[in-house]
PDB file of N, CA and C in Angstrom:
ATOM      1  N   MET A   1      90.891  83.583  99.997  1.00  0.00           N
ATOM      2  CA  MET A   1      92.120  83.917 100.711  1.00  0.00           C
ATOM      3  C   MET A   1      92.172  85.413 100.990  1.00  0.00           C
ATOM      4  N   ALA A   2      91.786  86.210  99.993  1.00  0.00           N
ATOM      5  CA  ALA A   2      91.828  87.665 100.158  1.00  0.00           C
ATOM      6  C   ALA A   2      90.862  88.115 101.246  1.00  0.00           C
ATOM      7  N   ASP A   3      89.715  87.451 101.339  1.00  0.00           N
ATOM      8  CA  ASP A   3      88.741  87.823 102.365  1.00  0.00           C
ATOM      9  C   ASP A   3      89.283  87.557 103.760  1.00  0.00           C
ATOM     10  N   ALA A   4      89.978  86.456 103.928  1.00  0.00           N
ATOM     11  CA  ALA A   4      90.574  86.139 105.233  1.00  0.00           C
ATOM     12  C   ALA A   4      91.656  87.149 105.575  1.00  0.00           C
ATOM     13  N   ALA A   5      92.479  87.504 104.585  1.00  0.00           N
ATOM     14  CA  ALA A   5      93.540  88.485 104.816  1.00  0.00           C
ATOM     15  C   ALA A   5      92.939  89.843 105.164  1.00  0.00           C
ATOM     16  N   THR A   6      91.894  90.226 104.469  1.00  0.00           N
ATOM     17  CA  THR A   6      91.233  91.498 104.737  1.00  0.00           C
ATOM     18  C   THR A   6      90.627  91.494 106.135  1.00  0.00           C
ATOM     19  N   ALA A   7      90.036  90.388 106.530  1.00  0.00           N
ATOM     20  CA  ALA A   7      89.442  90.293 107.861  1.00  0.00           C
ATOM     21  C   ALA A   7      90.511  90.422 108.943  1.00  0.00           C
ATOM     22  N   VAL A   8      91.648  89.781 108.736  1.00  0.00           N
ATOM     23  CA  VAL A   8      92.743  89.872 109.706  1.00  0.00           C
ATOM     24  C   VAL A   8      93.263  91.298 109.776  1.00  0.00           C
ATOM     25  N   GLN A   9      93.440  91.930 108.614  1.00  0.00           N
ATOM     26  CA  GLN A   9      93.918  93.310 108.581  1.00  0.00           C
ATOM     27  C   GLN A   9      92.957  94.235 109.325  1.00  0.00           C
ATOM     28  N   GLU A  10      91.682  94.075 109.089  1.00  0.00           N
ATOM     29  CA  GLU A  10      90.685  94.904 109.765  1.00  0.00           C
ATOM     30  C   GLU A  10      90.720  94.680 111.273  1.00  0.00           C
ATOM     31  N   GLN A  11      90.880  93.425 111.689  1.00  0.00           N
ATOM     32  CA  GLN A  11      90.938  93.117 113.113  1.00  0.00           C
ATOM     33  C   GLN A  11      92.177  93.750 113.749  1.00  0.00           C
ATOM     34  N   VAL A  12      93.308  93.690 113.061  1.00  0.00           N
ATOM     35  CA  VAL A  12      94.541  94.297 113.577  1.00  0.00           C
ATOM     36  C   VAL A  12      94.356  95.806 113.706  1.00  0.00           C
ATOM     37  N   LEU A  13      93.817  96.440 112.669  1.00  0.00           N
ATOM     38  CA  LEU A  13      93.616  97.892 112.713  1.00  0.00           C
ATOM     39  C   LEU A  13      92.631  98.286 113.812  1.00  0.00           C
ATOM     40  N   THR A  14      91.585  97.506 113.993  1.00  0.00           N
ATOM     41  CA  THR A  14      90.622  97.790 115.056  1.00  0.00           C
ATOM     42  C   THR A  14      91.285  97.662 116.424  1.00  0.00           C
ATOM     43  N   THR A  15      92.084  96.632 116.596  1.00  0.00           N
ATOM     44  CA  THR A  15      92.789  96.430 117.863  1.00  0.00           C
ATOM     45  C   THR A  15      93.745  97.578 118.137  1.00  0.00           C
ATOM     46  N   ILE A  16      94.489  97.990 117.124  1.00  0.00           N
ATOM     47  CA  ILE A  16      95.430  99.104 117.285  1.00  0.00           C
ATOM     48  C   ILE A  16      94.689 100.382 117.645  1.00  0.00           C
ATOM     49  N   THR A  17      93.604 100.669 116.945  1.00  0.00           N
ATOM     50  CA  THR A  17      92.820 101.875 117.214  1.00  0.00           C
ATOM     51  C   THR A  17      92.247 101.849 118.631  1.00  0.00           C
ATOM     52  N   THR A  18      91.734 100.705 119.047  1.00  0.00           N
ATOM     53  CA  THR A  18      91.189 100.573 120.398  1.00  0.00           C
ATOM     54  C   THR A  18      92.277 100.814 121.437  1.00  0.00           C
ATOM     55  N   THR A  19      93.440 100.240 121.207  1.00  0.00           N
ATOM     56  CA  THR A  19      94.567 100.414 122.134  1.00  0.00           C
ATOM     57  C   THR A  19      95.017 101.867 122.170  1.00  0.00           C
ATOM     58  N   GLN A  20      95.084 102.500 121.016  1.00  0.00           N
ATOM     59  CA  GLN A  20      95.472 103.912 120.965  1.00  0.00           C
ATOM     60  C   GLN A  20      94.469 104.780 121.716  1.00  0.00           C
ATOM     61  N   ASP A  21      93.187 104.521 121.514  1.00  0.00           N
ATOM     62  CA  ASP A  21      92.152 105.299 122.211  1.00  0.00           C
ATOM     63  C   ASP A  21      92.259 105.115 123.725  1.00  0.00           C
ATOM     64  N   ALA A  22      92.476 103.879 124.160  1.00  0.00           N
ATOM     65  CA  ALA A  22      92.609 103.611 125.596  1.00  0.00           C
ATOM     66  C   ALA A  22      93.851 104.308 126.158  1.00  0.00           C
ATOM     67  N   THR A  23      94.940 104.280 125.419  1.00  0.00           N
ATOM     68  CA  THR A  23      96.173 104.938 125.859  1.00  0.00           C
ATOM     69  C   THR A  23      95.962 106.437 126.005  1.00  0.00           C
ATOM     70  N   LEU A  24      95.315 107.039 125.015  1.00  0.00           N
ATOM     71  CA  LEU A  24      95.045 108.477 125.089  1.00  0.00           C
ATOM     72  C   LEU A  24      94.148 108.817 126.276  1.00  0.00           C
ATOM     73  N   LYS A  25      93.166 107.964 126.546  1.00  0.00           N
ATOM     74  CA  LYS A  25      92.266 108.193 127.665  1.00  0.00           C
ATOM     75  C   LYS A  25      93.026 108.131 128.991  1.00  0.00           C
ATOM     76  N   VAL A  26      93.920 107.141 129.120  1.00  0.00           N
ATOM     77  CA  VAL A  26      94.717 107.008 130.343  1.00  0.00           C
ATOM     78  C   VAL A  26      95.635 108.214 130.506  1.00  0.00           C
ATOM     79  N   LEU A  27      96.297 108.601 129.424  1.00  0.00           N
ATOM     80  CA  LEU A  27      97.209 109.741 129.493  1.00  0.00           C
ATOM     81  C   LEU A  27      96.471 111.035 129.810  1.00  0.00           C
ATOM     82  N   LYS A  28      95.290 111.195 129.265  1.00  0.00           N
ATOM     83  CA  LYS A  28      94.483 112.381 129.558  1.00  0.00           C
ATOM     84  C   LYS A  28      94.147 112.427 131.047  1.00  0.00           C
ATOM     85  N   GLY A  29      93.722 111.293 131.589  1.00  0.00           N
ATOM     86  CA  GLY A  29      93.421 111.230 133.021  1.00  0.00           C
ATOM     87  C   GLY A  29      94.653 111.489 133.868  1.00  0.00           C
ATOM     88  N   TRP A  30      95.780 110.975 133.429  1.00  0.00           N
ATOM     89  CA  TRP A  30      97.026 111.157 134.157  1.00  0.00           C
ATOM     90  C   TRP A  30      97.457 112.619 134.162  1.00  0.00           C
ATOM     91  N   THR A  31      97.378 113.257 132.984  1.00  0.00           N
ATOM     92  CA  THR A  31      97.763 114.666 132.924  1.00  0.00           C
ATOM     93  C   THR A  31      96.800 115.548 133.718  1.00  0.00           C
ATOM     94  N   ASP A  32      95.528 115.192 133.740  1.00  0.00           N
ATOM     95  CA  ASP A  32      94.569 115.949 134.557  1.00  0.00           C
ATOM     96  C   ASP A  32      94.927 115.823 136.034  1.00  0.00           C
ATOM     97  N   THR A  33      95.347 114.623 136.438  1.00  0.00           N
ATOM     98  CA  THR A  33      95.727 114.389 137.834  1.00  0.00           C
ATOM     99  C   THR A  33      96.987 115.168 138.193  1.00  0.00           C
ATOM    100  N   LEU A  34      97.917 115.244 137.268  1.00  0.00           N
ATOM    101  CA  LEU A  34      99.187 115.916 137.530  1.00  0.00           C
ATOM    102  C   LEU A  34      99.147 117.427 137.283  1.00  0.00           C
ATOM    103  N   ALA A  35      97.973 117.948 136.990  1.00  0.00           N
ATOM    104  CA  ALA A  35      97.852 119.372 136.683  1.00  0.00           C
ATOM    105  C   ALA A  35      98.316 120.256 137.840  1.00  0.00           C
ATOM    106  N   SER A  36      98.230 119.743 139.046  1.00  0.00           N
ATOM    107  CA  SER A  36      98.630 120.546 140.196  1.00  0.00           C
ATOM    108  C   SER A  36     100.137 120.454 140.483  1.00  0.00           C
ATOM    109  N   ALA A  37     100.857 119.651 139.709  1.00  0.00           N
ATOM    110  CA  ALA A  37     102.308 119.503 139.911  1.00  0.00           C
ATOM    111  C   ALA A  37     103.021 120.792 139.490  1.00  0.00           C
ATOM    112  N   PRO A  38     104.213 121.020 140.008  1.00  0.00           N
ATOM    113  CA  PRO A  38     104.968 122.212 139.617  1.00  0.00           C
ATOM    114  C   PRO A  38     105.245 122.226 138.107  1.00  0.00           C
ATOM    115  N   ALA A  39     105.388 123.405 137.543  1.00  0.00           N
ATOM    116  CA  ALA A  39     105.630 123.548 136.106  1.00  0.00           C
ATOM    117  C   ALA A  39     106.969 122.933 135.718  1.00  0.00           C
ATOM    118  N   LEU A  40     107.029 122.437 134.512  1.00  0.00           N
ATOM    119  CA  LEU A  40     108.293 121.885 134.005  1.00  0.00           C
ATOM    120  C   LEU A  40     109.306 123.008 133.828  1.00  0.00           C
ATOM    121  N   SER A  41     110.528 122.634 133.823  1.00  0.00           N
ATOM    122  CA  SER A  41     111.602 123.608 133.651  1.00  0.00           C
ATOM    123  C   SER A  41     111.419 124.370 132.340  1.00  0.00           C
ATOM    124  N   GLU A  42     111.757 125.632 132.373  1.00  0.00           N
ATOM    125  CA  GLU A  42     111.637 126.435 131.143  1.00  0.00           C
ATOM    126  C   GLU A  42     112.656 126.000 130.095  1.00  0.00           C
ATOM    127  N   TYR A  43     113.635 125.187 130.498  1.00  0.00           N
ATOM    128  CA  TYR A  43     114.661 124.725 129.562  1.00  0.00           C
ATOM    129  C   TYR A  43     114.283 123.429 128.855  1.00  0.00           C
ATOM    130  N   TYR A  44     113.202 122.820 129.278  1.00  0.00           N
ATOM    131  CA  TYR A  44     112.766 121.579 128.650  1.00  0.00           C
ATOM    132  C   TYR A  44     112.219 121.880 127.263  1.00  0.00           C
ATOM    133  N   VAL A  45     112.707 121.147 126.295  1.00  0.00           N
ATOM    134  CA  VAL A  45     112.222 121.295 124.922  1.00  0.00           C
ATOM    135  C   VAL A  45     111.657 119.945 124.479  1.00  0.00           C
ATOM    136  N   ALA A  46     110.417 119.964 124.096  1.00  0.00           N
ATOM    137  CA  ALA A  46     109.786 118.724 123.639  1.00  0.00           C
ATOM    138  C   ALA A  46     110.425 118.265 122.331  1.00  0.00           C
ATOM    139  N   PRO A  47     110.572 116.970 122.153  1.00  0.00           N
ATOM    140  CA  PRO A  47     111.156 116.468 120.907  1.00  0.00           C
ATOM    141  C   PRO A  47     110.249 116.794 119.719  1.00  0.00           C
ATOM    142  N   LYS A  48     110.850 116.943 118.572  1.00  0.00           N
ATOM    143  CA  LYS A  48     110.083 117.235 117.367  1.00  0.00           C
ATOM    144  C   LYS A  48     109.535 115.925 116.805  1.00  0.00           C
ATOM    145  N   ILE A  49     108.235 115.821 116.845  1.00  0.00           N
ATOM    146  CA  ILE A  49     107.566 114.596 116.415  1.00  0.00           C
ATOM    147  C   ILE A  49     107.840 114.304 114.944  1.00  0.00           C
ATOM    148  N   ASP A  50     107.940 115.350 114.130  1.00  0.00           N
ATOM    149  CA  ASP A  50     108.173 115.141 112.702  1.00  0.00           C
ATOM    150  C   ASP A  50     109.441 114.345 112.438  1.00  0.00           C
ATOM    151  N   SER A  51     110.475 114.559 113.252  1.00  0.00           N
ATOM    152  CA  SER A  51     111.706 113.813 113.024  1.00  0.00           C
ATOM    153  C   SER A  51     111.506 112.323 113.294  1.00  0.00           C
ATOM    154  N   PHE A  52     110.660 111.983 114.265  1.00  0.00           N
ATOM    155  CA  PHE A  52     110.374 110.573 114.535  1.00  0.00           C
ATOM    156  C   PHE A  52     109.585 109.955 113.382  1.00  0.00           C
ATOM    157  N   TYR A  53     108.617 110.704 112.855  1.00  0.00           N
ATOM    158  CA  TYR A  53     107.853 110.189 111.735  1.00  0.00           C
ATOM    159  C   TYR A  53     108.726 110.078 110.490  1.00  0.00           C
ATOM    160  N   GLY A  54     109.636 111.009 110.311  1.00  0.00           N
ATOM    161  CA  GLY A  54     110.555 110.925 109.179  1.00  0.00           C
ATOM    162  C   GLY A  54     111.377 109.652 109.245  1.00  0.00           C
ATOM    163  N   PHE A  55     111.870 109.329 110.436  1.00  0.00           N
ATOM    164  CA  PHE A  55     112.623 108.094 110.625  1.00  0.00           C
ATOM    165  C   PHE A  55     111.739 106.884 110.346  1.00  0.00           C
ATOM    166  N   ALA A  56     110.515 106.910 110.867  1.00  0.00           N
ATOM    167  CA  ALA A  56     109.596 105.783 110.670  1.00  0.00           C
ATOM    168  C   ALA A  56     109.299 105.587 109.186  1.00  0.00           C
ATOM    169  N   GLU A  57     109.135 106.673 108.445  1.00  0.00           N
ATOM    170  CA  GLU A  57     108.878 106.570 107.007  1.00  0.00           C
ATOM    171  C   GLU A  57     110.076 105.966 106.276  1.00  0.00           C
ATOM    172  N   LYS A  58     111.287 106.387 106.660  1.00  0.00           N
ATOM    173  CA  LYS A  58     112.491 105.823 106.036  1.00  0.00           C
ATOM    174  C   LYS A  58     112.627 104.343 106.373  1.00  0.00           C
ATOM    175  N   LEU A  59     112.343 103.997 107.622  1.00  0.00           N
ATOM    176  CA  LEU A  59     112.417 102.600 108.035  1.00  0.00           C
ATOM    177  C   LEU A  59     111.410 101.760 107.254  1.00  0.00           C
ATOM    178  N   TRP A  60     110.192 102.260 107.118  1.00  0.00           N
ATOM    179  CA  TRP A  60     109.153 101.560 106.370  1.00  0.00           C
ATOM    180  C   TRP A  60     109.592 101.374 104.917  1.00  0.00           C
ATOM    181  N   ALA A  61     110.137 102.408 104.297  1.00  0.00           N
ATOM    182  CA  ALA A  61     110.570 102.311 102.902  1.00  0.00           C
ATOM    183  C   ALA A  61     111.679 101.270 102.747  1.00  0.00           C
ATOM    184  N   THR A  62     112.605 101.255 103.688  1.00  0.00           N
ATOM    185  CA  THR A  62     113.702 100.287 103.639  1.00  0.00           C
ATOM    186  C   THR A  62     113.165  98.866 103.792  1.00  0.00           C
ATOM    187  N   GLU A  63     112.275  98.670 104.747  1.00  0.00           N
ATOM    188  CA  GLU A  63     111.699  97.344 104.967  1.00  0.00           C
ATOM    189  C   GLU A  63     110.876  96.890 103.762  1.00  0.00           C
ATOM    190  N   LYS A  64     110.136  97.819 103.173  1.00  0.00           N
ATOM    191  CA  LYS A  64     109.319  97.486 102.012  1.00  0.00           C
ATOM    192  C   LYS A  64     110.213  97.069 100.848  1.00  0.00           C
ATOM    193  N   GLU A  65     111.269  97.828 100.601  1.00  0.00           N
ATOM    194  CA  GLU A  65     112.199  97.511  99.519  1.00  0.00           C
ATOM    195  C   GLU A  65     112.835  96.135  99.743  1.00  0.00           C
ATOM    196  N   PHE A  66     113.247  95.859 100.979  1.00  0.00           N
ATOM    197  CA  PHE A  66     113.836  94.568 101.304  1.00  0.00           C
ATOM    198  C   PHE A  66     112.839  93.447 101.053  1.00  0.00           C
ATOM    199  N   PHE A  67     111.600  93.623 101.486  1.00  0.00           N
ATOM    200  CA  PHE A  67     110.589  92.588 101.334  1.00  0.00           C
ATOM    201  C   PHE A  67     110.294  92.321  99.868  1.00  0.00           C
ATOM    202  N   VAL A  68     110.223  93.371  99.054  1.00  0.00           N
ATOM    203  CA  VAL A  68     109.978  93.193  97.626  1.00  0.00           C
ATOM    204  C   VAL A  68     111.129  92.399  96.991  1.00  0.00           C
ATOM    205  N   LYS A  69     112.367  92.749  97.333  1.00  0.00           N
ATOM    206  CA  LYS A  69     113.527  92.019  96.800  1.00  0.00           C
ATOM    207  C   LYS A  69     113.533  90.578  97.288  1.00  0.00           C
ATOM    208  N   LEU A  70     113.145  90.370  98.534  1.00  0.00           N
ATOM    209  CA  LEU A  70     113.075  89.025  99.086  1.00  0.00           C
ATOM    210  C   LEU A  70     112.064  88.181  98.318  1.00  0.00           C
ATOM    211  N   LEU A  71     110.917  88.754  98.009  1.00  0.00           N
ATOM    212  CA  LEU A  71     109.905  88.039  97.223  1.00  0.00           C
ATOM    213  C   LEU A  71     110.393  87.747  95.813  1.00  0.00           C
ATOM    214  N   GLU A  72     111.148  88.674  95.227  1.00  0.00           N
ATOM    215  CA  GLU A  72     111.702  88.438  93.893  1.00  0.00           C
ATOM    216  C   GLU A  72     112.659  87.254  93.913  1.00  0.00           C
ATOM    217  N   VAL A  73     113.533  87.203  94.913  1.00  0.00           N
ATOM    218  CA  VAL A  73     114.477  86.093  95.036  1.00  0.00           C
ATOM    219  C   VAL A  73     113.726  84.784  95.255  1.00  0.00           C
ATOM    220  N   ALA A  74     112.729  84.806  96.115  1.00  0.00           N
ATOM    221  CA  ALA A  74     111.955  83.598  96.398  1.00  0.00           C
ATOM    222  C   ALA A  74     111.207  83.131  95.149  1.00  0.00           C
ATOM    223  N   THR A  75     110.686  84.063  94.373  1.00  0.00           N
ATOM    224  CA  THR A  75     109.975  83.709  93.151  1.00  0.00           C
ATOM    225  C   THR A  75     110.915  83.045  92.149  1.00  0.00           C
ATOM    226  N   GLU A  76     112.103  83.626  91.989  1.00  0.00           N
ATOM    227  CA  GLU A  76     113.088  83.039  91.079  1.00  0.00           C
ATOM    228  C   GLU A  76     113.503  81.649  91.558  1.00  0.00           C
ATOM    229  N   ALA A  77     113.717  81.500  92.849  1.00  0.00           N
ATOM    230  CA  ALA A  77     114.089  80.194  93.403  1.00  0.00           C
ATOM    231  C   ALA A  77     112.969  79.190  93.175  1.00  0.00           C
ATOM    232  N   GLY A  78     111.744  79.638  93.329  1.00  0.00           N
ATOM    233  CA  GLY A  78     110.596  78.759  93.112  1.00  0.00           C
ATOM    234  C   GLY A  78     110.500  78.275  91.680  1.00  0.00           C
ATOM    235  N   LYS A  79     110.980  79.068  90.747  1.00  0.00           N
ATOM    236  CA  LYS A  79     110.973  78.665  89.338  1.00  0.00           C
ATOM    237  C   LYS A  79     112.094  77.674  89.049  1.00  0.00           C
ATOM    238  N   LYS A  80     113.225  77.824  89.733  1.00  0.00           N
ATOM    239  CA  LYS A  80     114.402  77.004  89.448  1.00  0.00           C
ATOM    240  C   LYS A  80     114.382  75.670  90.181  1.00  0.00           C
ATOM    241  N   ILE A  81     113.852  75.619  91.366  1.00  0.00           N
ATOM    242  CA  ILE A  81     113.911  74.407  92.187  1.00  0.00           C
ATOM    243  C   ILE A  81     113.211  73.216  91.529  1.00  0.00           C
ATOM    244  N   PRO A  82     112.015  73.377  90.955  1.00  0.00           N
ATOM    245  CA  PRO A  82     111.396  72.197  90.316  1.00  0.00           C
ATOM    246  C   PRO A  82     112.260  71.633  89.186  1.00  0.00           C
ATOM    247  N   ASP A  83     112.910  72.505  88.389  1.00  0.00           N
ATOM    248  CA  ASP A  83     113.770  72.022  87.312  1.00  0.00           C
ATOM    249  C   ASP A  83     114.971  71.266  87.870  1.00  0.00           C
ATOM    250  N   ALA A  84     115.575  71.790  88.912  1.00  0.00           N
ATOM    251  CA  ALA A  84     116.731  71.139  89.526  1.00  0.00           C
ATOM    252  C   ALA A  84     116.318  69.795  90.134  1.00  0.00           C
ATOM    253  N   ALA A  85     115.127  69.735  90.725  1.00  0.00           N
ATOM    254  CA  ALA A  85     114.651  68.486  91.331  1.00  0.00           C
ATOM    255  C   ALA A  85     114.411  67.433  90.260  1.00  0.00           C
ATOM    256  N   LYS A  86     113.877  67.855  89.111  1.00  0.00           N
ATOM    257  CA  LYS A  86     113.639  66.903  88.018  1.00  0.00           C
ATOM    258  C   LYS A  86     114.963  66.342  87.494  1.00  0.00           C
ATOM    259  N   LYS A  87     115.960  67.229  87.369  1.00  0.00           N
ATOM    260  CA  LYS A  87     117.243  66.797  86.873  1.00  0.00           C
ATOM    261  C   LYS A  87     117.903  65.811  87.844  1.00  0.00           C
ATOM    262  N   SER A  88     117.861  66.104  89.111  1.00  0.00           N
ATOM    263  CA  SER A  88     118.493  65.204  90.078  1.00  0.00           C
ATOM    264  C   SER A  88     117.730  63.908  90.197  1.00  0.00           C
ATOM    265  N   ALA A  89     116.412  63.941  90.045  1.00  0.00           N
ATOM    266  CA  ALA A  89     115.623  62.720  90.093  1.00  0.00           C
ATOM    267  C   ALA A  89     115.912  61.866  88.874  1.00  0.00           C
ATOM    268  N   GLY A  90     116.101  62.525  87.735  1.00  0.00           N
ATOM    269  CA  GLY A  90     116.416  61.806  86.501  1.00  0.00           C
ATOM    270  C   GLY A  90     117.811  61.209  86.522  1.00  0.00           C
ATOM    271  N   ALA A  91     118.734  61.855  87.180  1.00  0.00           N
ATOM    272  CA  ALA A  91     120.128  61.376  87.247  1.00  0.00           C
ATOM    273  C   ALA A  91     120.227  60.132  88.110  1.00  0.00           C
ATOM    274  N   GLY A  92     119.369  60.004  89.107  1.00  0.00           N
ATOM    275  CA  GLY A  92     119.449  58.863  90.018  1.00  0.00           C
ATOM    276  C   GLY A  92     118.577  57.696  89.573  1.00  0.00           C
ATOM    277  N   ALA A  93     117.846  57.852  88.493  1.00  0.00           N
ATOM    278  CA  ALA A  93     116.945  56.796  88.030  1.00  0.00           C
ATOM    279  C   ALA A  93     117.721  55.643  87.400  1.00  0.00           C
ATOM    280  N   PRO A  94     117.263  54.411  87.559  1.00  0.00           N
ATOM    281  CA  PRO A  94     117.952  53.255  86.955  1.00  0.00           C
ATOM    282  C   PRO A  94     117.892  53.320  85.434  1.00  0.00           C
ATOM    283  N   LYS A  95     118.954  52.801  84.818  1.00  0.00           N
ATOM    284  CA  LYS A  95     119.027  52.842  83.332  1.00  0.00           C
ATOM    285  C   LYS A  95     118.671  51.528  82.722  1.00  0.00           C
TER     286      LYS A  95
END
């Protein structure tokens, strides 16, 4: 099972990397083409990338915490459900 999961993870990462490389190549070609365009306004300020990554890190941490708690609840439910099923099956059995 772990080998299949690892293979899928590697395939996803390879696909993402390939897509990122292609995107960068397209953008590079696009910016080279637009090099003759008039300069951007001196008032334009590029967004701070660090703030976007900070948000992404917080989002990831929140999602990770939620997923861990979700697995804990599911694990506890998985322990309780067989006992409850046995009790209900025993209650309906003929005497």
